[in-house]
N, C-alpha and C. Protein backbone atom coordinates (compact mmCIF):
# COMPACT_ATOMS: atom_id res chain seq x y z
N MET A 1 0.82 -1.19 0.00
CA MET A 1 0.00 0.00 0.00
C MET A 1 0.87 1.27 0.00
N GLU A 2 1.91 1.28 0.85
CA GLU A 2 2.76 2.47 0.91
C GLU A 2 3.57 2.64 -0.37
N LEU A 3 3.94 1.55 -1.01
CA LEU A 3 4.72 1.64 -2.24
C LEU A 3 3.91 2.32 -3.35
N THR A 4 2.63 2.03 -3.43
CA THR A 4 1.81 2.67 -4.47
C THR A 4 1.67 4.16 -4.20
N ILE A 5 1.59 4.54 -2.93
CA ILE A 5 1.50 5.96 -2.60
C ILE A 5 2.80 6.67 -2.98
N VAL A 6 3.92 6.04 -2.69
CA VAL A 6 5.22 6.63 -3.03
C VAL A 6 5.35 6.76 -4.55
N LEU A 7 4.99 5.73 -5.28
CA LEU A 7 5.09 5.79 -6.74
C LEU A 7 4.14 6.82 -7.32
N LEU A 8 2.94 6.92 -6.76
CA LEU A 8 1.98 7.92 -7.24
C LEU A 8 2.50 9.33 -6.99
N ASN A 9 3.09 9.56 -5.82
CA ASN A 9 3.68 10.87 -5.54
C ASN A 9 4.86 11.17 -6.47
N LEU A 10 5.64 10.14 -6.80
CA LEU A 10 6.74 10.32 -7.74
C LEU A 10 6.22 10.72 -9.12
N VAL A 11 5.17 10.07 -9.56
CA VAL A 11 4.57 10.41 -10.85
C VAL A 11 4.05 11.85 -10.82
N TYR A 12 3.38 12.24 -9.73
CA TYR A 12 2.89 13.61 -9.61
C TYR A 12 4.05 14.61 -9.64
N ALA A 13 5.15 14.26 -8.99
CA ALA A 13 6.29 15.17 -8.97
C ALA A 13 6.91 15.33 -10.36
N VAL A 14 7.01 14.24 -11.10
CA VAL A 14 7.57 14.30 -12.46
C VAL A 14 6.66 15.12 -13.37
N ILE A 15 5.38 14.87 -13.29
CA ILE A 15 4.43 15.65 -14.10
C ILE A 15 4.47 17.11 -13.69
N GLY A 16 4.56 17.36 -12.40
CA GLY A 16 4.64 18.74 -11.91
C GLY A 16 5.88 19.45 -12.38
N ALA A 17 7.01 18.76 -12.40
CA ALA A 17 8.24 19.36 -12.89
C ALA A 17 8.14 19.69 -14.38
N ALA A 18 7.54 18.80 -15.14
CA ALA A 18 7.37 19.05 -16.58
C ALA A 18 6.44 20.25 -16.80
N LEU A 19 5.37 20.33 -16.02
CA LEU A 19 4.46 21.47 -16.14
C LEU A 19 5.15 22.77 -15.72
N ALA A 20 5.96 22.71 -14.68
CA ALA A 20 6.67 23.91 -14.24
C ALA A 20 7.60 24.42 -15.33
N LEU A 21 8.33 23.52 -15.97
CA LEU A 21 9.21 23.93 -17.06
C LEU A 21 8.42 24.50 -18.23
N LEU A 22 7.29 23.89 -18.54
CA LEU A 22 6.45 24.39 -19.62
C LEU A 22 5.95 25.80 -19.32
N PHE A 23 5.49 26.03 -18.09
CA PHE A 23 5.00 27.35 -17.72
C PHE A 23 6.12 28.38 -17.68
N MET A 24 7.32 27.97 -17.31
CA MET A 24 8.45 28.90 -17.33
C MET A 24 8.80 29.32 -18.75
N VAL A 25 8.77 28.37 -19.67
CA VAL A 25 9.04 28.70 -21.08
C VAL A 25 7.95 29.62 -21.62
N LEU A 26 6.69 29.32 -21.30
CA LEU A 26 5.59 30.18 -21.75
C LEU A 26 5.70 31.57 -21.14
N GLY A 27 6.07 31.64 -19.87
CA GLY A 27 6.24 32.95 -19.22
C GLY A 27 7.34 33.76 -19.88
N PHE A 28 8.44 33.11 -20.22
CA PHE A 28 9.52 33.82 -20.91
C PHE A 28 9.07 34.31 -22.28
N LYS A 29 8.32 33.47 -23.00
CA LYS A 29 7.84 33.87 -24.33
C LYS A 29 6.89 35.06 -24.23
N VAL A 30 6.01 35.06 -23.24
CA VAL A 30 5.08 36.19 -23.06
C VAL A 30 5.87 37.45 -22.71
N PHE A 31 6.83 37.33 -21.81
CA PHE A 31 7.66 38.48 -21.45
C PHE A 31 8.42 39.01 -22.66
N ASP A 32 8.92 38.11 -23.50
CA ASP A 32 9.66 38.52 -24.69
C ASP A 32 8.75 39.26 -25.67
N ARG A 33 7.49 38.84 -25.74
CA ARG A 33 6.55 39.50 -26.66
C ARG A 33 6.12 40.88 -26.19
N ILE A 34 5.97 41.06 -24.86
CA ILE A 34 5.42 42.34 -24.38
C ILE A 34 6.49 43.41 -24.19
N THR A 35 7.76 43.04 -24.22
CA THR A 35 8.81 44.05 -24.09
C THR A 35 9.18 44.59 -25.46
N PRO A 36 9.58 45.87 -25.51
CA PRO A 36 9.89 46.47 -26.81
C PRO A 36 11.26 46.08 -27.36
N PHE A 37 12.01 45.26 -26.64
CA PHE A 37 13.34 44.85 -27.10
C PHE A 37 13.39 43.33 -27.17
N ASP A 38 14.43 42.82 -27.84
CA ASP A 38 14.61 41.39 -27.98
C ASP A 38 15.33 40.86 -26.74
N THR A 39 14.60 40.15 -25.91
CA THR A 39 15.15 39.68 -24.64
C THR A 39 16.32 38.72 -24.85
N SER A 40 16.19 37.81 -25.77
CA SER A 40 17.26 36.84 -26.02
C SER A 40 18.55 37.53 -26.44
N ARG A 41 18.43 38.52 -27.29
CA ARG A 41 19.62 39.24 -27.75
C ARG A 41 20.26 40.02 -26.61
N GLN A 42 19.42 40.62 -25.77
CA GLN A 42 19.94 41.36 -24.61
C GLN A 42 20.67 40.42 -23.65
N LEU A 43 20.15 39.21 -23.48
CA LEU A 43 20.82 38.25 -22.61
C LEU A 43 22.15 37.79 -23.22
N GLU A 44 22.19 37.65 -24.55
CA GLU A 44 23.44 37.29 -25.21
C GLU A 44 24.49 38.38 -25.05
N GLU A 45 24.03 39.64 -25.01
CA GLU A 45 24.94 40.77 -24.83
C GLU A 45 25.30 40.99 -23.36
N LYS A 46 24.87 40.09 -22.50
CA LYS A 46 25.17 40.13 -21.07
C LYS A 46 24.61 41.38 -20.38
N ASN A 47 23.37 41.74 -20.72
CA ASN A 47 22.68 42.84 -20.06
C ASN A 47 22.21 42.35 -18.69
N THR A 48 22.84 42.86 -17.64
CA THR A 48 22.58 42.39 -16.29
C THR A 48 21.15 42.68 -15.84
N ALA A 49 20.63 43.85 -16.18
CA ALA A 49 19.28 44.21 -15.76
C ALA A 49 18.25 43.25 -16.34
N VAL A 50 18.37 42.91 -17.60
CA VAL A 50 17.45 41.96 -18.22
C VAL A 50 17.60 40.58 -17.59
N GLY A 51 18.82 40.20 -17.30
CA GLY A 51 19.06 38.91 -16.66
C GLY A 51 18.41 38.81 -15.29
N ILE A 52 18.46 39.89 -14.52
CA ILE A 52 17.84 39.89 -13.20
C ILE A 52 16.32 39.78 -13.33
N VAL A 53 15.74 40.51 -14.29
CA VAL A 53 14.29 40.46 -14.48
C VAL A 53 13.85 39.07 -14.93
N VAL A 54 14.55 38.48 -15.86
CA VAL A 54 14.20 37.15 -16.34
C VAL A 54 14.36 36.13 -15.21
N GLY A 55 15.41 36.25 -14.42
CA GLY A 55 15.58 35.37 -13.27
C GLY A 55 14.45 35.51 -12.27
N ALA A 56 14.01 36.73 -12.03
CA ALA A 56 12.89 36.97 -11.12
C ALA A 56 11.60 36.36 -11.65
N ILE A 57 11.41 36.42 -12.96
CA ILE A 57 10.23 35.79 -13.56
C ILE A 57 10.26 34.29 -13.33
N PHE A 58 11.43 33.67 -13.54
CA PHE A 58 11.54 32.22 -13.33
C PHE A 58 11.31 31.84 -11.87
N VAL A 59 11.85 32.63 -10.95
CA VAL A 59 11.65 32.34 -9.53
C VAL A 59 10.18 32.48 -9.15
N GLY A 60 9.54 33.55 -9.62
CA GLY A 60 8.12 33.76 -9.31
C GLY A 60 7.24 32.66 -9.87
N LEU A 61 7.46 32.30 -11.11
CA LEU A 61 6.68 31.22 -11.71
C LEU A 61 6.96 29.90 -11.01
N GLY A 62 8.21 29.67 -10.65
CA GLY A 62 8.56 28.43 -9.95
C GLY A 62 7.87 28.32 -8.60
N ILE A 63 7.81 29.42 -7.87
CA ILE A 63 7.12 29.40 -6.58
C ILE A 63 5.63 29.15 -6.77
N ALA A 64 5.02 29.86 -7.72
CA ALA A 64 3.58 29.71 -7.93
C ALA A 64 3.22 28.30 -8.38
N VAL A 65 3.93 27.79 -9.35
CA VAL A 65 3.63 26.45 -9.86
C VAL A 65 3.97 25.41 -8.80
N GLY A 66 5.05 25.62 -8.05
CA GLY A 66 5.40 24.68 -6.99
C GLY A 66 4.35 24.60 -5.91
N LEU A 67 3.76 25.73 -5.56
CA LEU A 67 2.67 25.71 -4.56
C LEU A 67 1.45 24.96 -5.09
N VAL A 68 1.12 25.17 -6.34
CA VAL A 68 -0.03 24.48 -6.91
C VAL A 68 0.22 22.97 -6.94
N ILE A 69 1.41 22.58 -7.33
CA ILE A 69 1.74 21.15 -7.37
C ILE A 69 1.78 20.58 -5.96
N GLY A 70 2.37 21.31 -5.03
CA GLY A 70 2.45 20.83 -3.65
C GLY A 70 1.08 20.65 -3.02
N LEU A 71 0.19 21.57 -3.30
CA LEU A 71 -1.16 21.44 -2.76
C LEU A 71 -1.92 20.31 -3.43
N GLY A 72 -1.58 20.03 -4.67
CA GLY A 72 -2.22 18.92 -5.39
C GLY A 72 -1.81 17.56 -4.86
N LEU A 73 -0.62 17.48 -4.26
CA LEU A 73 -0.16 16.19 -3.72
C LEU A 73 -0.88 15.84 -2.42
N ASN A 74 -1.40 16.82 -1.73
CA ASN A 74 -2.05 16.53 -0.45
C ASN A 74 -3.44 16.10 -0.68
C-alpha cells in the first residue's frame, strides 16, 4: 500500500516538474513578446538588468507552480 502511494507521488512530482518547465518557457515567451526589445539578444549581450528580471520571472513562476503542485499532492 505504501509503495503505491510513493510511486503515485513520484509520478505527480515528475508531471509537476514538466508542467513547471512548460509554464516557465511560456512565461519567458510572453515576457519577450510584451517588451519592446529582444530579450534573447539582450541576454546574449550580457545585459545584467534583463538577466535579473528574467531570473525573477523564473523564480516567481517556480514558486507559484510549486505551490499548486504541492497542494495537489495533499
